[in-house]
C-alpha atoms as a PDB file:
ATOM      1  CA  UNK A   1       0.000   0.000   0.000  1.00  0.00           C
ATOM      2  CA  UNK A   2       1.322   3.457  -0.903  1.00  0.00           C
ATOM      3  CA  UNK A   3       2.141   5.659   2.034  1.00  0.00           C
ATOM      4  CA  UNK A   4      -0.458   8.303   1.164  1.00  0.00           C
ATOM      5  CA  UNK A   5      -3.251   5.729   1.316  1.00  0.00           C
ATOM      6  CA  UNK A   6      -1.863   4.197   4.513  1.00  0.00           C
ATOM      7  CA  UNK A   7      -1.729   7.626   6.177  1.00  0.00           C
ATOM      8  CA  UNK A   8      -5.274   8.417   5.056  1.00  0.00           C
ATOM      9  CA  UNK A   9      -6.468   5.121   6.538  1.00  0.00           C
ATOM     10  CA  UNK A  10      -4.623   5.784   9.784  1.00  0.00           C
ATOM     11  CA  UNK A  11      -6.228   9.209  10.086  1.00  0.00           C
ATOM     12  CA  UNK A  12      -9.668   7.687   9.538  1.00  0.00           C
ATOM     13  CA  UNK A  13      -8.948   5.006  12.149  1.00  0.00           C
ATOM     14  CA  UNK A  14      -7.588   7.500  14.647  1.00  0.00           C
ATOM     15  CA  UNK A  15      -9.427   9.103  17.528  1.00  0.00           C
ATOM     16  CA  UNK A  16     -11.670  11.892  16.148  1.00  0.00           C
ATOM     17  CA  UNK A  17      -9.903  14.621  18.116  1.00  0.00           C
ATOM     18  CA  UNK A  18      -6.517  13.520  16.693  1.00  0.00           C
ATOM     19  CA  UNK A  19      -7.406  13.605  13.004  1.00  0.00           C
ATOM     20  CA  UNK A  20      -6.208  17.125  12.229  1.00  0.00           C
ATOM     21  CA  UNK A  21      -2.878  16.527  13.989  1.00  0.00           C
ATOM     22  CA  UNK A  22      -1.290  14.272  11.349  1.00  0.00           C
ATOM     23  CA  UNK A  23       1.124  15.178   8.557  1.00  0.00           C
ATOM     24  CA  UNK A  24      -0.312  17.287   5.705  1.00  0.00           C
ATOM     25  CA  UNK A  25       1.195  14.818   3.252  1.00  0.00           C
ATOM     26  CA  UNK A  26      -1.068  15.639   0.329  1.00  0.00           C
ATOM     27  CA  UNK A  27      -0.292  19.369   0.500  1.00  0.00           C
ATOM     28  CA  UNK A  28       3.454  18.712   0.749  1.00  0.00           C
ATOM     29  CA  UNK A  29       3.275  16.316  -2.193  1.00  0.00           C
ATOM     30  CA  UNK A  30       1.559  18.979  -4.319  1.00  0.00           C
ATOM     31  CA  UNK A  31       4.325  21.470  -3.513  1.00  0.00           C
ATOM     32  CA  UNK A  32       7.020  18.939  -4.468  1.00  0.00           C
ATOM     33  CA  UNK A  33       5.264  18.375  -7.793  1.00  0.00           C
ATOM     34  CA  UNK A  34       5.130  22.105  -8.442  1.00  0.00           C
ATOM     35  CA  UNK A  35       8.770  22.670  -7.486  1.00  0.00           C
ATOM     36  CA  UNK A  36       9.975  19.768  -9.652  1.00  0.00           C
ATOM     37  CA  UNK A  37       8.157  21.292 -12.640  1.00  0.00           C
ATOM     38  CA  UNK A  38      10.351  24.408 -12.519  1.00  0.00           C
ATOM     39  CA  UNK A  39      12.141  25.110 -15.859  1.00  0.00           C
ATOM     40  CA  UNK A  40      15.874  24.516 -16.107  1.00  0.00           C
ATOM     41  CA  UNK A  41      18.144  27.532 -16.500  1.00  0.00           C
ATOM     42  CA  UNK A  42      19.208  26.408 -19.987  1.00  0.00           C
ATOM     43  CA  UNK A  43      15.640  26.483 -21.276  1.00  0.00           C
ATOM     44  CA  UNK A  44      14.644  29.570 -19.314  1.00  0.00           C
ATOM     45  CA  UNK A  45      12.689  32.159 -21.297  1.00  0.00           C
ATOM     46  CA  UNK A  46      11.428  35.610 -20.301  1.00  0.00           C
ATOM     47  CA  UNK A  47       8.089  34.038 -19.405  1.00  0.00           C
ATOM     48  CA  UNK A  48       9.654  31.184 -17.466  1.00  0.00           C
ATOM     49  CA  UNK A  49      11.819  33.652 -15.521  1.00  0.00           C
ATOM     50  CA  UNK A  50       8.608  35.290 -14.385  1.00  0.00           C
ATOM     51  CA  UNK A  51       7.189  31.885 -13.536  1.00  0.00           C
ATOM     52  CA  UNK A  52      10.344  31.035 -11.580  1.00  0.00           C
ATOM     53  CA  UNK A  53       9.085  33.399  -8.907  1.00  0.00           C
ATOM     54  CA  UNK A  54       6.132  31.056  -8.506  1.00  0.00           C
ATOM     55  CA  UNK A  55       8.415  28.028  -8.230  1.00  0.00           C
ATOM     56  CA  UNK A  56      10.646  29.843  -5.732  1.00  0.00           C
ATOM     57  CA  UNK A  57       7.632  30.645  -3.595  1.00  0.00           C
ATOM     58  CA  UNK A  58       6.530  26.992  -3.764  1.00  0.00           C
ATOM     59  CA  UNK A  59       9.952  25.918  -2.501  1.00  0.00           C
ATOM     60  CA  UNK A  60       9.783  28.453   0.306  1.00  0.00           C
ATOM     61  CA  UNK A  61       6.247  27.322   1.156  1.00  0.00           C
ATOM     62  CA  UNK A  62       7.431  23.699   1.264  1.00  0.00           C
ATOM     63  CA  UNK A  63      10.124  24.384   3.853  1.00  0.00           C
ATOM     64  CA  UNK A  64       7.781  26.655   5.816  1.00  0.00           C
ATOM     65  CA  UNK A  65       5.057  23.975   5.884  1.00  0.00           C
ATOM     66  CA  UNK A  66       7.580  21.381   7.076  1.00  0.00           C
ATOM     67  CA  UNK A  67       8.471  23.617  10.020  1.00  0.00           C
ATOM     68  CA  UNK A  68       4.792  24.244  10.771  1.00  0.00           C
ATOM     69  CA  UNK A  69       4.153  20.498  10.749  1.00  0.00           C
ATOM     70  CA  UNK A  70       7.003  19.878  13.201  1.00  0.00           C
ATOM     71  CA  UNK A  71       5.554  22.480  15.570  1.00  0.00           C
ATOM     72  CA  UNK A  72       2.135  20.852  15.241  1.00  0.00           C
ATOM     73  CA  UNK A  73       3.498  17.381  16.043  1.00  0.00           C
ATOM     74  CA  UNK A  74       5.484  18.649  19.025  1.00  0.00           C
ATOM     75  CA  UNK A  75       2.613  20.630  20.520  1.00  0.00           C
ATOM     76  CA  UNK A  76       0.161  17.757  20.258  1.00  0.00           C
ATOM     77  CA  UNK A  77       2.609  15.076  21.388  1.00  0.00           C
ATOM     78  CA  UNK A  78       3.798  16.973  24.467  1.00  0.00           C
ATOM     79  CA  UNK A  79       0.231  17.786  25.481  1.00  0.00           C
ATOM     80  CA  UNK A  80      -0.752  14.107  25.253  1.00  0.00           C
ATOM     81  CA  UNK A  81       2.433  12.996  26.994  1.00  0.00           C
ATOM     82  CA  UNK A  82       1.776  15.289  29.956  1.00  0.00           C
ATOM     83  CA  UNK A  83      -1.820  14.091  30.189  1.00  0.00           C
ATOM     84  CA  UNK A  84      -0.717  10.439  30.102  1.00  0.00           C
ATOM     85  CA  UNK A  85       1.798  10.917  32.917  1.00  0.00           C
ATOM     86  CA  UNK A  86      -0.977  12.359  35.091  1.00  0.00           C
ATOM     87  CA  UNK A  87      -3.451   9.613  34.133  1.00  0.00           C
ATOM     88  CA  UNK A  88      -0.900   6.935  34.885  1.00  0.00           C
ATOM     89  CA  UNK A  89      -0.373   8.268  38.416  1.00  0.00           C
ATOM     90  CA  UNK A  90      -4.130   8.578  38.940  1.00  0.00           C
ATOM     91  CA  UNK A  91      -4.677   4.956  37.904  1.00  0.00           C
ATOM     92  CA  UNK A  92      -2.033   3.717  40.332  1.00  0.00           C
ATOM     93  CA  UNK A  93      -3.631   5.719  43.125  1.00  0.00           C
ATOM     94  CA  UNK A  94      -7.096   4.364  42.293  1.00  0.00           C
ATOM     95  CA  UNK A  95      -5.847   0.782  42.447  1.00  0.00           C
ATOM     96  CA  UNK A  96      -4.194   1.424  45.804  1.00  0.00           C
ATOM     97  CA  UNK A  97      -7.358   3.010  47.223  1.00  0.00           C
ATOM     98  CA  UNK A  98      -9.547   0.090  46.129  1.00  0.00           C
ATOM     99  CA  UNK A  99      -7.114  -2.492  47.522  1.00  0.00           C
ATOM    100  CA  UNK A 100      -6.677  -0.588  50.799  1.00  0.00           C
ATOM    101  CA  UNK A 101     -10.404  -0.101  51.234  1.00  0.00           C
ATOM    102  CA  UNK A 102     -12.135  -3.234  49.886  1.00  0.00           C
ATOM    103  CA  UNK A 103      -9.337  -5.721  49.277  1.00  0.00           C
ATOM    104  CA  UNK A 104      -8.954  -8.926  51.353  1.00  0.00           C
ATOM    105  CA  UNK A 105      -6.716  -7.062  53.824  1.00  0.00           C
ATOM    106  CA  UNK A 106      -8.447  -3.699  53.444  1.00  0.00           C
ATOM    107  CA  UNK A 107     -10.184  -1.473  55.983  1.00  0.00           C
ATOM    108  CA  UNK A 108     -13.640  -2.697  54.900  1.00  0.00           C
ATOM    109  CA  UNK A 109     -13.134  -5.957  52.999  1.00  0.00           C
ATOM    110  CA  UNK A 110     -15.889  -6.453  50.427  1.00  0.00           C
ATOM    111  CA  UNK A 111     -15.554  -8.883  47.533  1.00  0.00           C
ATOM    112  CA  UNK A 112     -18.536  -7.345  45.742  1.00  0.00           C
ATOM    113  CA  UNK A 113     -17.301  -3.749  45.966  1.00  0.00           C
ATOM    114  CA  UNK A 114     -13.749  -4.808  45.186  1.00  0.00           C
ATOM    115  CA  UNK A 115     -14.741  -6.656  41.999  1.00  0.00           C
ATOM    116  CA  UNK A 116     -17.032  -3.849  40.858  1.00  0.00           C
ATOM    117  CA  UNK A 117     -14.385  -1.147  41.253  1.00  0.00           C
ATOM    118  CA  UNK A 118     -11.569  -3.257  39.820  1.00  0.00           C
ATOM    119  CA  UNK A 119     -13.723  -3.944  36.759  1.00  0.00           C
ATOM    120  CA  UNK A 120     -13.939  -0.197  36.139  1.00  0.00           C
ATOM    121  CA  UNK A 121     -10.198   0.152  36.641  1.00  0.00           C
ATOM    122  CA  UNK A 122      -9.461  -2.734  34.268  1.00  0.00           C
ATOM    123  CA  UNK A 123     -11.380  -1.017  31.476  1.00  0.00           C
ATOM    124  CA  UNK A 124      -9.657   2.286  32.199  1.00  0.00           C
ATOM    125  CA  UNK A 125      -6.227   0.620  32.086  1.00  0.00           C
ATOM    126  CA  UNK A 126      -6.907  -1.133  28.791  1.00  0.00           C
ATOM    127  CA  UNK A 127      -8.217   2.069  27.198  1.00  0.00           C
ATOM    128  CA  UNK A 128      -5.261   4.036  28.563  1.00  0.00           C
ATOM    129  CA  UNK A 129      -2.790   1.470  27.250  1.00  0.00           C
ATOM    130  CA  UNK A 130      -4.450   1.621  23.842  1.00  0.00           C
ATOM    131  CA  UNK A 131      -4.232   5.401  23.678  1.00  0.00           C
ATOM    132  CA  UNK A 132      -0.522   5.310  24.506  1.00  0.00           C
ATOM    133  CA  UNK A 133       0.091   2.772  21.739  1.00  0.00           C
ATOM    134  CA  UNK A 134      -1.779   5.104  19.382  1.00  0.00           C
ATOM    135  CA  UNK A 135       0.506   7.980  20.393  1.00  0.00           C
ATOM    136  CA  UNK A 136       3.640   5.927  19.675  1.00  0.00           C
ATOM    137  CA  UNK A 137       2.102   5.072  16.305  1.00  0.00           C
ATOM    138  CA  UNK A 138       1.360   8.779  15.768  1.00  0.00           C
ATOM    139  CA  UNK A 139       5.063   9.516  16.225  1.00  0.00           C
ATOM    140  CA  UNK A 140       6.130   6.680  13.931  1.00  0.00           C
ATOM    141  CA  UNK A 141       3.801   7.396  11.044  1.00  0.00           C
ATOM    142  CA  UNK A 142       4.449  11.144  11.020  1.00  0.00           C
ATOM    143  CA  UNK A 143       8.205  10.612  11.094  1.00  0.00           C
ATOM    144  CA  UNK A 144       7.881   8.103   8.256  1.00  0.00           C
ATOM    145  CA  UNK A 145       5.798  10.569   6.267  1.00  0.00           C
ATOM    146  CA  UNK A 146       8.410  13.307   6.704  1.00  0.00           C
ATOM    147  CA  UNK A 147      11.209  10.968   5.617  1.00  0.00           C
ATOM    148  CA  UNK A 148       9.235   9.900   2.528  1.00  0.00           C
ATOM    149  CA  UNK A 149       8.242  13.392   1.412  1.00  0.00           C
ATOM    150  CA  UNK A 150      11.815  14.636   1.878  1.00  0.00           C
ATOM    151  CA  UNK A 151      13.136  11.698  -0.137  1.00  0.00           C
ATOM    152  CA  UNK A 152      10.640  12.563  -2.872  1.00  0.00           C
ATOM    153  CA  UNK A 153      11.744  16.191  -2.752  1.00  0.00           C
ATOM    154  CA  UNK A 154      15.459  15.372  -3.087  1.00  0.00           C
ATOM    155  CA  UNK A 155      14.831  12.869  -5.886  1.00  0.00           C
ATOM    156  CA  UNK A 156      12.608  15.142  -7.975  1.00  0.00           C
ATOM    157  CA  UNK A 157      14.396  18.449  -7.452  1.00  0.00           C
ATOM    158  CA  UNK A 158      18.022  17.389  -7.040  1.00  0.00           C
ATOM    159  CA  UNK A 159      18.004  19.088  -3.661  1.00  0.00           C
ATOM    160  CA  UNK A 160      19.744  17.922  -0.504  1.00  0.00           C
ATOM    161  CA  UNK A 161      17.135  18.755   2.112  1.00  0.00           C
ATOM    162  CA  UNK A 162      16.438  15.338   3.592  1.00  0.00           C
ATOM    163  CA  UNK A 163      19.616  14.759   5.614  1.00  0.00           C
ATOM    164  CA  UNK A 164      19.765  18.099   7.476  1.00  0.00           C
ATOM    165  CA  UNK A 165      16.031  18.150   8.068  1.00  0.00           C
ATOM    166  CA  UNK A 166      15.862  14.585   9.399  1.00  0.00           C
ATOM    167  CA  UNK A 167      18.806  15.335  11.695  1.00  0.00           C
ATOM    168  CA  UNK A 168      16.699  18.159  13.125  1.00  0.00           C
ATOM    169  CA  UNK A 169      13.645  15.881  13.435  1.00  0.00           C
ATOM    170  CA  UNK A 170      15.560  13.256  15.429  1.00  0.00           C
ATOM    171  CA  UNK A 171      15.868  15.609  18.414  1.00  0.00           C
ATOM    172  CA  UNK A 172      12.262  16.827  18.346  1.00  0.00           C
ATOM    173  CA  UNK A 173       9.930  15.994  21.281  1.00  0.00           C
ATOM    174  CA  UNK A 174       7.436  14.132  19.075  1.00  0.00           C
ATOM    175  CA  UNK A 175      10.154  11.728  17.933  1.00  0.00           C
ATOM    176  CA  UNK A 176      11.476  11.102  21.447  1.00  0.00           C
ATOM    177  CA  UNK A 177       9.024   8.509  22.741  1.00  0.00           C
ATOM    178  CA  UNK A 178      11.033   7.216  25.733  1.00  0.00           C
ATOM    179  CA  UNK A 179       8.621   8.515  28.361  1.00  0.00           C
ATOM    180  CA  UNK A 180       5.570   7.074  26.615  1.00  0.00           C
ATOM    181  CA  UNK A 181       7.325   3.777  25.908  1.00  0.00           C
ATOM    182  CA  UNK A 182       8.189   3.448  29.603  1.00  0.00           C
ATOM    183  CA  UNK A 183       4.600   4.269  30.557  1.00  0.00           C
ATOM    184  CA  UNK A 184       3.391   1.575  28.149  1.00  0.00           C
ATOM    185  CA  UNK A 185       5.677  -0.974  29.835  1.00  0.00           C
ATOM    186  CA  UNK A 186       4.552   0.084  33.310  1.00  0.00           C
ATOM    187  CA  UNK A 187       0.939  -0.093  32.204  1.00  0.00           C
ATOM    188  CA  UNK A 188       1.489  -3.608  30.878  1.00  0.00           C
ATOM    189  CA  UNK A 189       2.975  -4.629  34.228  1.00  0.00           C
ATOM    190  CA  UNK A 190      -0.159  -3.318  35.926  1.00  0.00           C
ATOM    191  CA  UNK A 191      -2.334  -5.169  33.402  1.00  0.00           C
ATOM    192  CA  UNK A 192      -0.467  -8.423  34.065  1.00  0.00           C
ATOM    193  CA  UNK A 193      -0.946  -7.883  37.798  1.00  0.00           C
ATOM    194  CA  UNK A 194      -4.594  -6.824  37.753  1.00  0.00           C
ATOM    195  CA  UNK A 195      -5.692  -9.333  35.114  1.00  0.00           C
ATOM    196  CA  UNK A 196      -5.276 -13.078  35.542  1.00  0.00           C
ATOM    197  CA  UNK A 197      -3.488 -14.337  32.415  1.00  0.00           C
ATOM    198  CA  UNK A 198      -6.420 -16.314  31.039  1.00  0.00           C
ATOM    199  CA  UNK A 199      -8.822 -13.450  31.738  1.00  0.00           C
ATOM    200  CA  UNK A 200      -6.597 -10.960  29.917  1.00  0.00           C
ATOM    201  CA  UNK A 201      -6.443 -13.100  26.800  1.00  0.00           C
ATOM    202  CA  UNK A 202     -10.191 -13.683  26.804  1.00  0.00           C
ATOM    203  CA  UNK A 203     -11.004 -10.014  27.335  1.00  0.00           C
ATOM    204  CA  UNK A 204      -8.620  -8.941  24.570  1.00  0.00           C
ATOM    205  CA  UNK A 205     -10.197 -11.449  22.196  1.00  0.00           C
ATOM    206  CA  UNK A 206     -13.702 -10.242  23.009  1.00  0.00           C
ATOM    207  CA  UNK A 207     -12.700  -6.606  22.686  1.00  0.00           C
ATOM    208  CA  UNK A 208     -11.214  -7.111  19.222  1.00  0.00           C
ATOM    209  CA  UNK A 209     -14.334  -8.871  17.968  1.00  0.00           C
ATOM    210  CA  UNK A 210     -16.976  -6.572  19.431  1.00  0.00           C
ATOM    211  CA  UNK A 211     -15.308  -3.144  19.404  1.00  0.00           C
ATOM    212  CA  UNK A 212     -16.920  -1.006  16.723  1.00  0.00           C
ATOM    213  CA  UNK A 213     -15.139   2.333  16.898  1.00  0.00           C
ATOM    214  CA  UNK A 214     -13.591   1.552  20.273  1.00  0.00           C
ATOM    215  CA  UNK A 215     -10.036   2.126  21.359  1.00  0.00           C
ATOM    216  CA  UNK A 216      -9.135  -1.554  20.961  1.00  0.00           C
ATOM    217  CA  UNK A 217     -10.011  -1.534  17.269  1.00  0.00           C
ATOM    218  CA  UNK A 218      -7.751   1.473  16.736  1.00  0.00           C
ATOM    219  CA  UNK A 219      -4.972  -0.039  18.839  1.00  0.00           C
ATOM    220  CA  UNK A 220      -4.890  -3.249  16.805  1.00  0.00           C
ATOM    221  CA  UNK A 221      -4.654  -1.298  13.566  1.00  0.00           C
ATOM    222  CA  UNK A 222      -1.935   0.917  15.037  1.00  0.00           C
ATOM    223  CA  UNK A 223       0.126  -2.117  16.071  1.00  0.00           C
ATOM    224  CA  UNK A 224      -0.199  -3.638  12.608  1.00  0.00           C
ATOM    225  CA  UNK A 225       0.823  -0.336  10.995  1.00  0.00           C
ATOM    226  CA  UNK A 226       3.839   0.025  13.281  1.00  0.00           C
ATOM    227  CA  UNK A 227       4.943  -3.504  12.463  1.00  0.00           C
ATOM    228  CA  UNK A 228       4.599  -2.797   8.750  1.00  0.00           C
ATOM    229  CA  UNK A 229       6.463   0.525   8.624  1.00  0.00           C
ATOM    230  CA  UNK A 230       9.180  -0.640  11.027  1.00  0.00           C
ATOM    231  CA  UNK A 231       9.868  -4.150   9.711  1.00  0.00           C
ATOM    232  CA  UNK A 232      13.274  -4.870   8.261  1.00  0.00           C
ATOM    233  CA  UNK A 233      13.568  -4.911   4.474  1.00  0.00           C
ATOM    234  CA  UNK A 234      16.084  -4.634   1.669  1.00  0.00           C
ATOM    235  CA  UNK A 235      15.059  -0.999   1.194  1.00  0.00           C
ATOM    236  CA  UNK A 236      15.995   0.103   4.704  1.00  0.00           C
ATOM    237  CA  UNK A 237      18.100   3.246   4.998  1.00  0.00           C
ATOM    238  CA  UNK A 238      19.618   5.308   7.823  1.00  0.00           C
ATOM    239  CA  UNK A 239      16.312   7.204   7.840  1.00  0.00           C
ATOM    240  CA  UNK A 240      14.223   4.076   8.532  1.00  0.00           C
ATOM    241  CA  UNK A 241      12.781   3.322  11.951  1.00  0.00           C
ATOM    242  CA  UNK A 242      14.176   0.208  13.664  1.00  0.00           C
ATOM    243  CA  UNK A 243      12.082  -3.002  13.672  1.00  0.00           C
ATOM    244  CA  UNK A 244       9.326  -3.008  16.270  1.00  0.00           C
ATOM    245  CA  UNK A 245       9.871  -5.223  19.308  1.00  0.00           C
ATOM    246  CA  UNK A 246       6.533  -5.705  20.998  1.00  0.00           C
ATOM    247  CA  UNK A 247       6.365  -6.494  24.724  1.00  0.00           C
ATOM    248  CA  UNK A 248       5.644  -9.999  25.958  1.00  0.00           C
ATOM    249  CA  UNK A 249       2.511  -9.204  27.969  1.00  0.00           C
ATOM    250  CA  UNK A 250      -0.472 -11.540  27.633  1.00  0.00           C
ATOM    251  CA  UNK A 251      -2.592  -8.651  26.429  1.00  0.00           C
ATOM    252  CA  UNK A 252      -0.255  -7.742  23.564  1.00  0.00           C
ATOM    253  CA  UNK A 253       0.239 -11.391  22.605  1.00  0.00           C
ATOM    254  CA  UNK A 254      -3.500 -11.909  22.433  1.00  0.00           C
ATOM    255  CA  UNK A 255      -3.828  -8.855  20.187  1.00  0.00           C
ATOM    256  CA  UNK A 256      -1.216 -10.286  17.806  1.00  0.00           C
ATOM    257  CA  UNK A 257      -2.817 -13.718  17.779  1.00  0.00           C
ATOM    258  CA  UNK A 258      -6.235 -12.308  17.025  1.00  0.00           C
ATOM    259  CA  UNK A 259      -5.204  -9.529  14.648  1.00  0.00           C
ATOM    260  CA  UNK A 260      -6.513 -11.527  11.687  1.00  0.00           C
ATOM    261  CA  UNK A 261     -10.060 -11.306  13.054  1.00  0.00           C
ATOM    262  CA  UNK A 262     -12.024  -8.949  10.748  1.00  0.00           C
ATOM    263  CA  UNK A 263     -12.387  -5.532  12.351  1.00  0.00           C
ATOM    264  CA  UNK A 264     -15.354  -3.710  10.864  1.00  0.00           C
END
């Protein structure tokens, strides 16, 4: 599948409030096409010299739009990252309160209240985990889109923009996913603790089958996309993302095993 179609599908499968935060790939592609159509100096006429102003503006607009896109990615990513750190702490505190209050050794032991509250927490954890996976995918697919459009630019115009621009991208907040990746791992540890192994697998299976527009449906698609754009191939370059190593949690394994289930 061509990247433009894959990105369009990812945007459609994303959370509604995220859809205007992705790379403006189509607009960038149009600018590359316009820039590459610029006349060569040897064939330049009076008319084409006038038109060269248009091509020069297109080139300027291309670089400007790239910078705007980077700012957009960073702003959105950092906002989500901050929110996720807070949510993660809140979830840990909720679990502690339920255990301390209604758990077997709690202040007021109550199996009924304990199960009811833990059920709510389980759903919150799974949804939270899914959103974090979506954010990692957001970083991956936007970086990939930048690398592809810059490659297209260099190839069609003879320019050398990709290397310096990608070097700048590699230190941007949206590309630095260490905090989110660590939160994902911590969340998976909580999932493995809160869920019995067989229950986690069964719940993941059910969620994949029945989720219509739910977070699980989007998470599965995000995982499949990340595996596709990060898998090793003969066309890998220094600009490619490394292969994706998924965690070994029961929840993630069950997602992989059931990924072939039609998601409609």
